[in-house]
Amino acid sequence: MMLAAAWKASGDSPACSKPGRFDRPGSGCFRDPDSAGLGSAAAQVLGLPGERWPAGGSTEPGLIVAYDLSTVDETVARQVFEHRRGQFLWAHASCWTSEPPFAADLTTYLYQRNVSPWGERLRVNPDTKQAERQPSDTRPAPDRATDIVAAELHAEALRDVPALVDLAQAARVATGETGLGAFRTEGPRHRQPVGSPVPSNRFL
């Protein structure tokens, strides 16, 4: 919902799209498993046709979905380093203690340390009460997307959506190098400097 609100505020609306093309308002996701699952879910929630990011990149307009730019292949990252008219880059997770390749147009989660929902993790066995390693989820992207779409969304999570839309619309007045990435149509993407909105020590 946050993504939908921000995309709406950018001035583009999900009208029709040509089937089989990465063309706005279509959705393209990078080929790593985490991005593929998230991108498939985003396409379903937004009601858009979705497909994998082309191996050679694309200059066509569209929503580009990455789970985390820090884990994206360097070759792929270079393909989206430049802003292009109509392309909107969303990276769900962004590390605030080490600098990613560049800043996405929109990110929803700042982290110091992150394990994706499908990565290997520790869990407590309810029978033995002992910690054990849970293997990575290797299901295909459509199955992961089904879980995301079906997840319960509490009303409290949407409380800030109107403020987000107002902020994005107000920011449209800034242009050029000072403009938000979502509204730029050319030039390199901004750096995402190390740091978070809340000044604090890092947790070790």
C-alpha atoms as a PDB file:
ATOM      1  CA  MET A   1       0.000   0.000   0.000  1.00  0.00           C
ATOM      2  CA  MET A   2       2.866   2.395   0.768  1.00  0.00           C
ATOM      3  CA  LEU A   3       4.340   1.617  -2.654  1.00  0.00           C
ATOM      4  CA  ALA A   4       0.984   2.168  -4.348  1.00  0.00           C
ATOM      5  CA  ALA A   5       0.548   5.526  -2.590  1.00  0.00           C
ATOM      6  CA  ALA A   6       4.033   6.718  -3.496  1.00  0.00           C
ATOM      7  CA  TRP A   7       3.683   5.625  -7.109  1.00  0.00           C
ATOM      8  CA  LYS A   8       0.327   7.383  -7.364  1.00  0.00           C
ATOM      9  CA  ALA A   9       1.846  10.549  -5.916  1.00  0.00           C
ATOM     10  CA  SER A  10       4.587  10.459  -8.555  1.00  0.00           C
ATOM     11  CA  GLY A  11       1.946  11.392 -11.091  1.00  0.00           C
ATOM     12  CA  ASP A  12       1.600   8.100 -12.951  1.00  0.00           C
ATOM     13  CA  SER A  13      -1.499   5.964 -12.886  1.00  0.00           C
ATOM     14  CA  PRO A  14      -1.888   2.255 -13.630  1.00  0.00           C
ATOM     15  CA  ALA A  15      -3.828   2.423 -16.863  1.00  0.00           C
ATOM     16  CA  CYS A  16      -3.350  -0.172 -19.585  1.00  0.00           C
ATOM     17  CA  SER A  17      -0.134  -1.845 -20.671  1.00  0.00           C
ATOM     18  CA  LYS A  18       0.999  -3.770 -23.714  1.00  0.00           C
ATOM     19  CA  PRO A  19       1.159  -7.472 -22.807  1.00  0.00           C
ATOM     20  CA  GLY A  20       4.596  -9.051 -22.847  1.00  0.00           C
ATOM     21  CA  ARG A  21       6.524  -5.785 -22.627  1.00  0.00           C
ATOM     22  CA  PHE A  22       8.335  -4.098 -19.773  1.00  0.00           C
ATOM     23  CA  ASP A  23       6.339  -0.928 -20.254  1.00  0.00           C
ATOM     24  CA  ARG A  24       4.720   1.393 -17.766  1.00  0.00           C
ATOM     25  CA  PRO A  25       2.538   0.664 -16.034  1.00  0.00           C
ATOM     26  CA  GLY A  26       4.090  -2.783 -16.057  1.00  0.00           C
ATOM     27  CA  SER A  27       6.392  -4.097 -13.359  1.00  0.00           C
ATOM     28  CA  GLY A  28       9.857  -5.581 -13.765  1.00  0.00           C
ATOM     29  CA  CYS A  29      11.839  -7.282 -11.013  1.00  0.00           C
ATOM     30  CA  PHE A  30      15.463  -8.246 -10.800  1.00  0.00           C
ATOM     31  CA  ARG A  31      16.309 -11.903 -11.212  1.00  0.00           C
ATOM     32  CA  ASP A  32      17.623 -12.733  -7.737  1.00  0.00           C
ATOM     33  CA  PRO A  33      15.096 -14.885  -5.828  1.00  0.00           C
ATOM     34  CA  ASP A  34      14.196 -12.274  -3.202  1.00  0.00           C
ATOM     35  CA  SER A  35      13.539  -9.558  -5.785  1.00  0.00           C
ATOM     36  CA  ALA A  36      11.611 -11.977  -8.001  1.00  0.00           C
ATOM     37  CA  GLY A  37       9.207 -12.929  -5.205  1.00  0.00           C
ATOM     38  CA  LEU A  38       8.695  -9.350  -4.090  1.00  0.00           C
ATOM     39  CA  GLY A  39       8.266  -8.118  -7.654  1.00  0.00           C
ATOM     40  CA  SER A  40       5.647 -10.737  -8.423  1.00  0.00           C
ATOM     41  CA  ALA A  41       3.713  -9.707  -5.310  1.00  0.00           C
ATOM     42  CA  ALA A  42       3.967  -6.001  -6.195  1.00  0.00           C
ATOM     43  CA  ALA A  43       2.572  -6.664  -9.662  1.00  0.00           C
ATOM     44  CA  GLN A  44      -0.396  -8.525  -8.167  1.00  0.00           C
ATOM     45  CA  VAL A  45      -1.153  -5.890  -5.527  1.00  0.00           C
ATOM     46  CA  LEU A  46      -0.920  -3.034  -8.038  1.00  0.00           C
ATOM     47  CA  GLY A  47      -2.808  -4.941 -10.737  1.00  0.00           C
ATOM     48  CA  LEU A  48       0.060  -4.701 -13.225  1.00  0.00           C
ATOM     49  CA  PRO A  49       1.601  -7.126 -15.678  1.00  0.00           C
ATOM     50  CA  GLY A  50       4.938  -8.280 -14.295  1.00  0.00           C
ATOM     51  CA  GLU A  51       8.037  -9.823 -15.789  1.00  0.00           C
ATOM     52  CA  ARG A  52      11.710 -10.394 -15.047  1.00  0.00           C
ATOM     53  CA  TRP A  53      14.218  -7.643 -15.681  1.00  0.00           C
ATOM     54  CA  PRO A  54      15.763  -8.229 -19.153  1.00  0.00           C
ATOM     55  CA  ALA A  55      19.310  -9.614 -19.055  1.00  0.00           C
ATOM     56  CA  GLY A  56      20.572  -6.674 -21.114  1.00  0.00           C
ATOM     57  CA  GLY A  57      18.666  -4.057 -19.131  1.00  0.00           C
ATOM     58  CA  SER A  58      15.848  -1.836 -20.362  1.00  0.00           C
ATOM     59  CA  THR A  59      15.275   1.821 -21.114  1.00  0.00           C
ATOM     60  CA  GLU A  60      11.501   1.360 -21.229  1.00  0.00           C
ATOM     61  CA  PRO A  61       9.369   3.014 -18.528  1.00  0.00           C
ATOM     62  CA  GLY A  62       8.082   0.829 -15.704  1.00  0.00           C
ATOM     63  CA  LEU A  63       8.223  -0.035 -12.033  1.00  0.00           C
ATOM     64  CA  ILE A  64      11.523  -1.765 -11.182  1.00  0.00           C
ATOM     65  CA  VAL A  65      11.513  -3.913  -8.047  1.00  0.00           C
ATOM     66  CA  ALA A  66      14.556  -4.914  -5.991  1.00  0.00           C
ATOM     67  CA  TYR A  67      14.545  -6.516  -2.572  1.00  0.00           C
ATOM     68  CA  ASP A  68      17.902  -4.953  -1.613  1.00  0.00           C
ATOM     69  CA  LEU A  69      20.247  -3.064  -3.962  1.00  0.00           C
ATOM     70  CA  SER A  70      23.237  -4.158  -1.859  1.00  0.00           C
ATOM     71  CA  THR A  71      22.687  -7.752  -2.956  1.00  0.00           C
ATOM     72  CA  VAL A  72      21.970  -7.037  -6.623  1.00  0.00           C
ATOM     73  CA  ASP A  73      24.532  -8.125  -9.202  1.00  0.00           C
ATOM     74  CA  GLU A  74      26.929  -5.296 -10.108  1.00  0.00           C
ATOM     75  CA  THR A  75      26.113  -5.594 -13.809  1.00  0.00           C
ATOM     76  CA  VAL A  76      22.404  -5.191 -13.096  1.00  0.00           C
ATOM     77  CA  ALA A  77      23.039  -2.261 -10.753  1.00  0.00           C
ATOM     78  CA  ARG A  78      24.898  -0.428 -13.522  1.00  0.00           C
ATOM     79  CA  GLN A  79      21.862  -0.844 -15.789  1.00  0.00           C
ATOM     80  CA  VAL A  80      19.668   1.258 -13.466  1.00  0.00           C
ATOM     81  CA  PHE A  81      22.303   3.734 -12.242  1.00  0.00           C
ATOM     82  CA  GLU A  82      20.931   6.432 -14.546  1.00  0.00           C
ATOM     83  CA  HIS A  83      17.452   7.898 -14.145  1.00  0.00           C
ATOM     84  CA  ARG A  84      15.191   7.349 -17.146  1.00  0.00           C
ATOM     85  CA  ARG A  85      11.845   8.919 -17.875  1.00  0.00           C
ATOM     86  CA  GLY A  86       9.036   6.848 -16.445  1.00  0.00           C
ATOM     87  CA  GLN A  87      11.235   4.356 -14.571  1.00  0.00           C
ATOM     88  CA  PHE A  88      10.532   4.086 -10.829  1.00  0.00           C
ATOM     89  CA  LEU A  89      13.041   2.067  -8.762  1.00  0.00           C
ATOM     90  CA  TRP A  90      11.782   0.565  -5.504  1.00  0.00           C
ATOM     91  CA  ALA A  91      14.173  -1.268  -3.171  1.00  0.00           C
ATOM     92  CA  HIS A  92      12.392  -2.705  -0.141  1.00  0.00           C
ATOM     93  CA  ALA A  93      15.448  -2.921   2.155  1.00  0.00           C
ATOM     94  CA  SER A  94      18.381  -0.491   2.444  1.00  0.00           C
ATOM     95  CA  CYS A  95      21.332  -0.757   4.829  1.00  0.00           C
ATOM     96  CA  TRP A  96      22.083   2.423   6.790  1.00  0.00           C
ATOM     97  CA  THR A  97      25.498   1.343   8.160  1.00  0.00           C
ATOM     98  CA  SER A  98      27.177   0.609   4.823  1.00  0.00           C
ATOM     99  CA  GLU A  99      26.601   2.514   1.626  1.00  0.00           C
ATOM    100  CA  PRO A 100      24.645   0.745  -1.135  1.00  0.00           C
ATOM    101  CA  PRO A 101      25.535   1.329  -4.808  1.00  0.00           C
ATOM    102  CA  PHE A 102      23.112   4.296  -4.944  1.00  0.00           C
ATOM    103  CA  ALA A 103      19.763   5.394  -3.562  1.00  0.00           C
ATOM    104  CA  ALA A 104      16.531   3.896  -4.847  1.00  0.00           C
ATOM    105  CA  ASP A 105      13.597   6.184  -5.626  1.00  0.00           C
ATOM    106  CA  LEU A 106      11.719   4.606  -2.733  1.00  0.00           C
ATOM    107  CA  THR A 107      12.753   2.316   0.102  1.00  0.00           C
ATOM    108  CA  THR A 108      10.554   0.953   2.864  1.00  0.00           C
ATOM    109  CA  TYR A 109      12.971  -0.560   5.367  1.00  0.00           C
ATOM    110  CA  LEU A 110      16.274   0.787   6.725  1.00  0.00           C
ATOM    111  CA  TYR A 111      18.402  -1.805   8.498  1.00  0.00           C
ATOM    112  CA  GLN A 112      21.770  -2.411  10.095  1.00  0.00           C
ATOM    113  CA  ARG A 113      21.548  -6.184   9.764  1.00  0.00           C
ATOM    114  CA  ASN A 114      18.873  -7.975   7.808  1.00  0.00           C
ATOM    115  CA  VAL A 115      17.944 -11.532   6.913  1.00  0.00           C
ATOM    116  CA  SER A 116      15.385 -11.790   4.151  1.00  0.00           C
ATOM    117  CA  PRO A 117      12.120 -13.584   4.983  1.00  0.00           C
ATOM    118  CA  TRP A 118      13.305 -16.465   2.790  1.00  0.00           C
ATOM    119  CA  GLY A 119      16.888 -16.710   4.060  1.00  0.00           C
ATOM    120  CA  GLU A 120      18.436 -19.233   6.427  1.00  0.00           C
ATOM    121  CA  ARG A 121      17.691 -18.361  10.042  1.00  0.00           C
ATOM    122  CA  LEU A 122      17.704 -19.626  13.598  1.00  0.00           C
ATOM    123  CA  ARG A 123      14.466 -20.828  15.158  1.00  0.00           C
ATOM    124  CA  VAL A 124      13.509 -22.407  18.460  1.00  0.00           C
ATOM    125  CA  ASN A 125      12.184 -25.920  18.071  1.00  0.00           C
ATOM    126  CA  PRO A 126       8.868 -25.949  19.984  1.00  0.00           C
ATOM    127  CA  ASP A 127       9.399 -29.573  21.033  1.00  0.00           C
ATOM    128  CA  THR A 128      13.035 -29.561  22.125  1.00  0.00           C
ATOM    129  CA  LYS A 129      13.186 -25.849  23.077  1.00  0.00           C
ATOM    130  CA  GLN A 130      16.579 -25.780  21.381  1.00  0.00           C
ATOM    131  CA  ALA A 131      17.797 -23.357  18.709  1.00  0.00           C
ATOM    132  CA  GLU A 132      18.207 -24.879  15.276  1.00  0.00           C
ATOM    133  CA  ARG A 133      18.943 -23.604  11.805  1.00  0.00           C
ATOM    134  CA  GLN A 134      16.015 -23.283   9.459  1.00  0.00           C
ATOM    135  CA  PRO A 135      17.118 -23.734   5.832  1.00  0.00           C
ATOM    136  CA  SER A 136      16.486 -21.120   3.165  1.00  0.00           C
ATOM    137  CA  ASP A 137      13.124 -21.085   1.445  1.00  0.00           C
ATOM    138  CA  THR A 138      13.773 -22.260  -2.113  1.00  0.00           C
ATOM    139  CA  ARG A 139      10.209 -22.080  -3.384  1.00  0.00           C
ATOM    140  CA  PRO A 140       9.690 -20.316  -6.739  1.00  0.00           C
ATOM    141  CA  ALA A 141       8.799 -16.626  -6.909  1.00  0.00           C
ATOM    142  CA  PRO A 142       5.036 -17.129  -7.496  1.00  0.00           C
ATOM    143  CA  ASP A 143       4.749 -19.139  -4.267  1.00  0.00           C
ATOM    144  CA  ARG A 144       6.619 -16.490  -2.297  1.00  0.00           C
ATOM    145  CA  ALA A 145       4.427 -13.816  -3.829  1.00  0.00           C
ATOM    146  CA  THR A 146       1.291 -15.680  -2.775  1.00  0.00           C
ATOM    147  CA  ASP A 147       2.430 -15.531   0.869  1.00  0.00           C
ATOM    148  CA  ILE A 148       3.126 -11.793   0.638  1.00  0.00           C
ATOM    149  CA  VAL A 149      -0.218 -10.957  -0.951  1.00  0.00           C
ATOM    150  CA  ALA A 150      -2.106 -13.107   1.563  1.00  0.00           C
ATOM    151  CA  ALA A 151      -0.365 -11.598   4.603  1.00  0.00           C
ATOM    152  CA  GLU A 152      -2.634  -9.717   6.991  1.00  0.00           C
ATOM    153  CA  LEU A 153      -2.193  -5.946   6.873  1.00  0.00           C
ATOM    154  CA  HIS A 154      -3.240  -4.108  10.003  1.00  0.00           C
ATOM    155  CA  ALA A 155      -5.028  -0.783   9.580  1.00  0.00           C
ATOM    156  CA  GLU A 156      -2.418   0.880  11.814  1.00  0.00           C
ATOM    157  CA  ALA A 157       0.216   0.163   9.164  1.00  0.00           C
ATOM    158  CA  LEU A 158      -1.594   2.474   6.732  1.00  0.00           C
ATOM    159  CA  ARG A 159      -1.950   5.405   9.118  1.00  0.00           C
ATOM    160  CA  ASP A 160       0.890   7.370   7.487  1.00  0.00           C
ATOM    161  CA  VAL A 161      -0.228   6.877   3.870  1.00  0.00           C
ATOM    162  CA  PRO A 162      -2.027  10.267   3.545  1.00  0.00           C
ATOM    163  CA  ALA A 163       1.039  12.064   4.929  1.00  0.00           C
ATOM    164  CA  LEU A 164       3.265  10.160   2.505  1.00  0.00           C
ATOM    165  CA  VAL A 165       1.134  11.210  -0.461  1.00  0.00           C
ATOM    166  CA  ASP A 166       1.108  14.853   0.718  1.00  0.00           C
ATOM    167  CA  LEU A 167       4.898  14.823   1.146  1.00  0.00           C
ATOM    168  CA  ALA A 168       5.511  13.330  -2.287  1.00  0.00           C
ATOM    169  CA  GLN A 169       3.192  15.785  -3.995  1.00  0.00           C
ATOM    170  CA  ALA A 170       4.775  18.732  -2.194  1.00  0.00           C
ATOM    171  CA  ALA A 171       8.237  17.537  -3.210  1.00  0.00           C
ATOM    172  CA  ARG A 172       7.358  17.766  -6.888  1.00  0.00           C
ATOM    173  CA  VAL A 173       8.283  21.462  -6.853  1.00  0.00           C
ATOM    174  CA  ALA A 174      11.979  20.579  -6.405  1.00  0.00           C
ATOM    175  CA  THR A 175      13.647  19.926  -9.752  1.00  0.00           C
ATOM    176  CA  GLY A 176      17.059  19.094 -11.167  1.00  0.00           C
ATOM    177  CA  GLU A 177      19.777  17.863  -8.822  1.00  0.00           C
ATOM    178  CA  THR A 178      17.714  18.765  -5.754  1.00  0.00           C
ATOM    179  CA  GLY A 179      14.654  16.863  -6.934  1.00  0.00           C
ATOM    180  CA  LEU A 180      13.541  13.539  -5.516  1.00  0.00           C
ATOM    181  CA  GLY A 181      14.700  10.513  -7.469  1.00  0.00           C
ATOM    182  CA  ALA A 182      11.130   9.485  -8.262  1.00  0.00           C
ATOM    183  CA  PHE A 183      10.622  12.703 -10.242  1.00  0.00           C
ATOM    184  CA  ARG A 184      13.943  12.867 -12.088  1.00  0.00           C
ATOM    185  CA  THR A 185      14.108  11.816 -15.719  1.00  0.00           C
ATOM    186  CA  GLU A 186      17.856  11.851 -16.353  1.00  0.00           C
ATOM    187  CA  GLY A 187      21.231  11.922 -14.669  1.00  0.00           C
ATOM    188  CA  PRO A 188      22.877   9.529 -12.192  1.00  0.00           C
ATOM    189  CA  ARG A 189      21.048   8.388  -9.089  1.00  0.00           C
ATOM    190  CA  HIS A 190      22.006  10.014  -5.789  1.00  0.00           C
ATOM    191  CA  ARG A 191      24.283   8.388  -3.233  1.00  0.00           C
ATOM    192  CA  GLN A 192      22.644   7.009  -0.126  1.00  0.00           C
ATOM    193  CA  PRO A 193      25.007   8.170   2.630  1.00  0.00           C
ATOM    194  CA  VAL A 194      25.568   6.117   5.746  1.00  0.00           C
ATOM    195  CA  GLY A 195      23.215   7.089   8.576  1.00  0.00           C
ATOM    196  CA  SER A 196      19.616   6.740   9.706  1.00  0.00           C
ATOM    197  CA  PRO A 197      16.749   9.138  10.501  1.00  0.00           C
ATOM    198  CA  VAL A 198      17.330   8.445  14.215  1.00  0.00           C
ATOM    199  CA  PRO A 199      20.837   9.383  15.449  1.00  0.00           C
ATOM    200  CA  SER A 200      22.162   6.589  17.670  1.00  0.00           C
ATOM    201  CA  ASN A 201      25.038   4.227  18.211  1.00  0.00           C
ATOM    202  CA  ARG A 202      25.184   1.145  16.094  1.00  0.00           C
ATOM    203  CA  PHE A 203      24.032  -2.017  17.778  1.00  0.00           C
ATOM    204  CA  LEU A 204      26.632  -4.757  17.721  1.00  0.00           C
END
